[in-house]
């Protein structure tokens, strides 16, 4: 799950969580699913994943994309977990 907070209500608060998969855990990442929340005139967006069946023998990581928009001003950042191997 991921949450994006603004210090006050903004025009738009956005968060998206990506589930990425790789064969070796260091390169060749591809997004296999994602979950999004967008709120308007609010201060918090919260996205949580649903069920997802993984493939054994692969590496997985979660990435987050976060942004807050007020008028013409956009602030954004990304986050990423370490890779985990599922045997």
N, C-alpha and C. Protein backbone atom coordinates (compact mmCIF):
# COMPACT_ATOMS: atom_id res chain seq x y z
N UNK A 1 0.84 -1.18 0.00
CA UNK A 1 0.00 0.00 0.00
C UNK A 1 0.88 1.23 0.00
N UNK A 2 0.30 2.35 -0.36
CA UNK A 2 1.04 3.61 -0.39
C UNK A 2 0.08 4.76 -0.12
N UNK A 3 0.58 5.78 0.54
CA UNK A 3 -0.22 6.96 0.87
C UNK A 3 0.55 8.21 0.47
N UNK A 4 -0.15 9.19 -0.07
CA UNK A 4 0.42 10.50 -0.36
C UNK A 4 -0.37 11.54 0.41
N UNK A 5 0.34 12.34 1.19
CA UNK A 5 -0.29 13.39 2.01
C UNK A 5 0.11 14.76 1.48
N UNK A 6 -0.82 15.68 1.42
CA UNK A 6 -0.53 17.09 1.18
C UNK A 6 -0.70 17.81 2.51
N UNK A 7 -0.03 18.94 2.67
CA UNK A 7 -0.14 19.69 3.92
C UNK A 7 -1.50 20.37 4.07
N UNK A 8 -2.24 20.49 2.95
CA UNK A 8 -3.59 21.05 2.98
C UNK A 8 -4.34 20.48 1.78
N UNK A 9 -5.64 20.71 1.74
CA UNK A 9 -6.44 20.22 0.61
C UNK A 9 -5.92 20.85 -0.68
N UNK A 10 -5.73 20.03 -1.70
CA UNK A 10 -5.20 20.47 -2.99
C UNK A 10 -6.15 20.09 -4.11
N UNK A 11 -5.89 20.66 -5.30
CA UNK A 11 -6.73 20.33 -6.45
C UNK A 11 -6.74 18.84 -6.73
N UNK A 12 -5.54 18.20 -6.61
CA UNK A 12 -5.44 16.79 -6.95
C UNK A 12 -4.31 16.15 -6.15
N UNK A 13 -4.59 15.00 -5.56
CA UNK A 13 -3.57 14.19 -4.89
C UNK A 13 -3.61 12.82 -5.55
N UNK A 14 -2.44 12.33 -5.98
CA UNK A 14 -2.35 11.11 -6.78
C UNK A 14 -1.32 10.17 -6.17
N UNK A 15 -1.64 8.88 -6.13
CA UNK A 15 -0.67 7.86 -5.77
C UNK A 15 -0.94 6.62 -6.62
N UNK A 16 0.13 6.00 -7.08
CA UNK A 16 0.00 4.74 -7.83
C UNK A 16 1.11 3.81 -7.34
N UNK A 17 0.74 2.56 -7.05
CA UNK A 17 1.69 1.52 -6.65
C UNK A 17 1.84 0.55 -7.81
N UNK A 18 3.09 0.35 -8.22
CA UNK A 18 3.41 -0.58 -9.31
C UNK A 18 4.03 -1.84 -8.73
N UNK A 19 3.61 -2.99 -9.22
CA UNK A 19 4.26 -4.26 -8.91
C UNK A 19 5.11 -4.63 -10.12
N UNK A 20 6.42 -4.67 -9.92
CA UNK A 20 7.36 -4.97 -11.00
C UNK A 20 7.98 -6.34 -10.81
N UNK A 21 8.35 -6.98 -11.93
CA UNK A 21 8.92 -8.32 -11.93
C UNK A 21 10.21 -8.33 -12.74
N UNK A 22 11.18 -9.13 -12.29
CA UNK A 22 12.46 -9.26 -12.99
C UNK A 22 12.96 -10.69 -12.86
N UNK A 23 13.74 -11.15 -13.83
CA UNK A 23 14.34 -12.48 -13.76
C UNK A 23 15.56 -12.52 -12.84
N UNK A 24 16.30 -11.40 -12.74
CA UNK A 24 17.54 -11.41 -11.97
C UNK A 24 17.56 -10.44 -10.79
N UNK A 25 16.56 -9.59 -10.65
CA UNK A 25 16.47 -8.68 -9.52
C UNK A 25 17.27 -7.40 -9.65
N UNK A 26 17.97 -7.22 -10.77
CA UNK A 26 18.76 -5.99 -10.96
C UNK A 26 18.44 -5.26 -12.26
N UNK A 27 17.91 -5.95 -13.23
CA UNK A 27 17.59 -5.30 -14.51
C UNK A 27 16.42 -6.01 -15.17
N UNK A 28 15.95 -5.44 -16.27
CA UNK A 28 14.85 -6.05 -17.00
C UNK A 28 13.52 -6.00 -16.28
N UNK A 29 13.31 -4.97 -15.45
CA UNK A 29 12.07 -4.86 -14.70
C UNK A 29 10.90 -4.54 -15.62
N UNK A 30 9.79 -5.20 -15.39
CA UNK A 30 8.56 -4.92 -16.11
C UNK A 30 7.40 -4.84 -15.14
N UNK A 31 6.49 -3.93 -15.36
CA UNK A 31 5.32 -3.79 -14.50
C UNK A 31 4.30 -4.86 -14.84
N UNK A 32 3.87 -5.61 -13.83
CA UNK A 32 2.89 -6.67 -14.04
C UNK A 32 1.50 -6.29 -13.54
N UNK A 33 1.42 -5.26 -12.67
CA UNK A 33 0.12 -4.78 -12.20
C UNK A 33 0.33 -3.44 -11.50
N UNK A 34 -0.74 -2.68 -11.33
CA UNK A 34 -0.66 -1.43 -10.58
C UNK A 34 -2.02 -1.08 -10.01
N UNK A 35 -1.98 -0.23 -8.94
CA UNK A 35 -3.17 0.20 -8.24
C UNK A 35 -3.08 1.70 -8.02
N UNK A 36 -4.19 2.42 -8.18
CA UNK A 36 -4.18 3.89 -8.20
C UNK A 36 -5.26 4.46 -7.30
N UNK A 37 -4.96 5.63 -6.71
CA UNK A 37 -5.98 6.44 -6.05
C UNK A 37 -5.74 7.89 -6.44
N UNK A 38 -6.78 8.59 -6.82
CA UNK A 38 -6.73 10.01 -7.14
C UNK A 38 -7.86 10.68 -6.37
N UNK A 39 -7.53 11.73 -5.63
CA UNK A 39 -8.56 12.49 -4.94
C UNK A 39 -8.52 13.93 -5.41
N UNK A 40 -9.66 14.58 -5.42
CA UNK A 40 -9.76 15.98 -5.81
C UNK A 40 -10.21 16.80 -4.61
N UNK A 41 -9.63 17.99 -4.46
CA UNK A 41 -9.96 18.88 -3.34
C UNK A 41 -9.86 18.15 -2.02
N UNK A 42 -8.75 17.45 -1.84
CA UNK A 42 -8.53 16.65 -0.66
C UNK A 42 -7.06 16.78 -0.26
N UNK A 43 -6.64 16.05 0.77
CA UNK A 43 -5.25 16.11 1.19
C UNK A 43 -4.58 14.75 1.28
N UNK A 44 -5.31 13.67 1.00
CA UNK A 44 -4.74 12.34 1.12
C UNK A 44 -5.23 11.43 0.00
N UNK A 45 -4.28 10.68 -0.59
CA UNK A 45 -4.63 9.62 -1.53
C UNK A 45 -4.01 8.33 -1.00
N UNK A 46 -4.74 7.23 -1.08
CA UNK A 46 -4.30 5.96 -0.51
C UNK A 46 -4.61 4.84 -1.50
N UNK A 47 -3.58 4.13 -1.93
CA UNK A 47 -3.76 3.00 -2.85
C UNK A 47 -3.29 1.72 -2.17
N UNK A 48 -4.07 0.68 -2.29
CA UNK A 48 -3.67 -0.61 -1.75
C UNK A 48 -3.88 -1.67 -2.82
N UNK A 49 -2.99 -2.65 -2.84
CA UNK A 49 -3.07 -3.68 -3.87
C UNK A 49 -4.20 -4.66 -3.58
N UNK A 50 -4.66 -5.28 -4.64
CA UNK A 50 -5.57 -6.39 -4.51
C UNK A 50 -4.75 -7.68 -4.52
N UNK A 51 -5.42 -8.80 -4.63
CA UNK A 51 -4.71 -10.07 -4.73
C UNK A 51 -3.99 -10.15 -6.06
N UNK A 52 -2.79 -10.74 -6.03
CA UNK A 52 -2.03 -10.94 -7.27
C UNK A 52 -1.23 -12.22 -7.13
N UNK A 53 -1.37 -13.12 -8.08
CA UNK A 53 -0.65 -14.39 -8.05
C UNK A 53 0.70 -14.20 -8.72
N UNK A 54 1.77 -14.42 -7.95
CA UNK A 54 3.11 -14.23 -8.49
C UNK A 54 3.62 -15.50 -9.16
N UNK A 55 4.70 -15.36 -9.93
CA UNK A 55 5.35 -16.49 -10.58
C UNK A 55 6.57 -16.88 -9.75
N UNK A 56 6.70 -18.13 -9.42
CA UNK A 56 7.86 -18.61 -8.64
C UNK A 56 9.13 -18.45 -9.47
N UNK A 57 10.23 -18.20 -8.76
CA UNK A 57 11.52 -18.07 -9.42
C UNK A 57 11.78 -16.69 -9.99
N UNK A 58 10.98 -15.71 -9.60
CA UNK A 58 11.13 -14.33 -10.09
C UNK A 58 11.38 -13.38 -8.92
N UNK A 59 11.92 -12.23 -9.24
CA UNK A 59 12.10 -11.14 -8.28
C UNK A 59 10.96 -10.14 -8.45
N UNK A 60 10.55 -9.55 -7.32
CA UNK A 60 9.48 -8.56 -7.35
C UNK A 60 9.89 -7.35 -6.52
N UNK A 61 9.38 -6.18 -6.91
CA UNK A 61 9.55 -4.95 -6.14
C UNK A 61 8.28 -4.13 -6.30
N UNK A 62 8.08 -3.20 -5.36
CA UNK A 62 6.96 -2.27 -5.45
C UNK A 62 7.53 -0.87 -5.63
N UNK A 63 6.96 -0.12 -6.58
CA UNK A 63 7.33 1.26 -6.80
C UNK A 63 6.11 2.13 -6.52
N UNK A 64 6.34 3.33 -6.04
CA UNK A 64 5.26 4.27 -5.81
C UNK A 64 5.51 5.55 -6.59
N UNK A 65 4.45 6.09 -7.17
CA UNK A 65 4.49 7.39 -7.83
C UNK A 65 3.51 8.29 -7.09
N UNK A 66 3.98 9.44 -6.63
CA UNK A 66 3.20 10.31 -5.76
C UNK A 66 3.22 11.72 -6.32
N UNK A 67 2.07 12.38 -6.38
CA UNK A 67 2.06 13.79 -6.81
C UNK A 67 0.91 14.54 -6.15
N UNK A 68 1.15 15.85 -5.99
CA UNK A 68 0.15 16.78 -5.45
C UNK A 68 0.10 17.96 -6.40
N UNK A 69 -1.11 18.38 -6.82
CA UNK A 69 -1.28 19.49 -7.74
C UNK A 69 -2.14 20.56 -7.11
N UNK A 70 -1.68 21.79 -7.18
CA UNK A 70 -2.44 22.95 -6.74
C UNK A 70 -2.27 24.02 -7.81
N UNK A 71 -3.33 24.26 -8.59
CA UNK A 71 -3.23 25.21 -9.70
C UNK A 71 -2.23 24.73 -10.72
N UNK A 72 -1.22 25.53 -11.01
CA UNK A 72 -0.17 25.18 -11.99
C UNK A 72 1.02 24.47 -11.35
N UNK A 73 1.03 24.36 -10.04
CA UNK A 73 2.17 23.80 -9.32
C UNK A 73 1.95 22.31 -9.08
N UNK A 74 2.96 21.50 -9.46
CA UNK A 74 2.92 20.06 -9.25
C UNK A 74 4.19 19.66 -8.50
N UNK A 75 4.02 18.95 -7.39
CA UNK A 75 5.14 18.36 -6.68
C UNK A 75 4.99 16.85 -6.79
N UNK A 76 6.10 16.17 -7.12
CA UNK A 76 6.02 14.72 -7.26
C UNK A 76 7.31 14.07 -6.81
N UNK A 77 7.21 12.79 -6.48
CA UNK A 77 8.36 11.97 -6.12
C UNK A 77 8.02 10.51 -6.40
N UNK A 78 9.03 9.67 -6.37
CA UNK A 78 8.82 8.23 -6.52
C UNK A 78 9.51 7.52 -5.36
N UNK A 79 9.04 6.33 -5.08
CA UNK A 79 9.64 5.47 -4.07
C UNK A 79 9.79 4.07 -4.65
N UNK A 80 10.69 3.28 -4.07
CA UNK A 80 10.89 1.92 -4.57
C UNK A 80 11.43 1.03 -3.45
N UNK A 81 10.91 -0.18 -3.34
CA UNK A 81 11.40 -1.14 -2.36
C UNK A 81 12.60 -1.90 -2.94
N UNK A 82 13.28 -2.63 -2.09
CA UNK A 82 14.31 -3.55 -2.56
C UNK A 82 13.63 -4.74 -3.24
N UNK A 83 14.38 -5.45 -4.06
CA UNK A 83 13.85 -6.62 -4.75
C UNK A 83 13.75 -7.81 -3.78
N UNK A 84 12.68 -8.58 -3.93
CA UNK A 84 12.51 -9.81 -3.16
C UNK A 84 12.38 -10.99 -4.11
N UNK A 85 13.07 -12.08 -3.81
CA UNK A 85 13.00 -13.29 -4.64
C UNK A 85 11.95 -14.23 -4.05
N UNK A 86 11.10 -14.77 -4.91
CA UNK A 86 10.08 -15.73 -4.48
C UNK A 86 10.37 -17.07 -5.12
N UNK A 87 10.72 -18.05 -4.29
CA UNK A 87 11.10 -19.38 -4.77
C UNK A 87 9.90 -20.30 -4.75
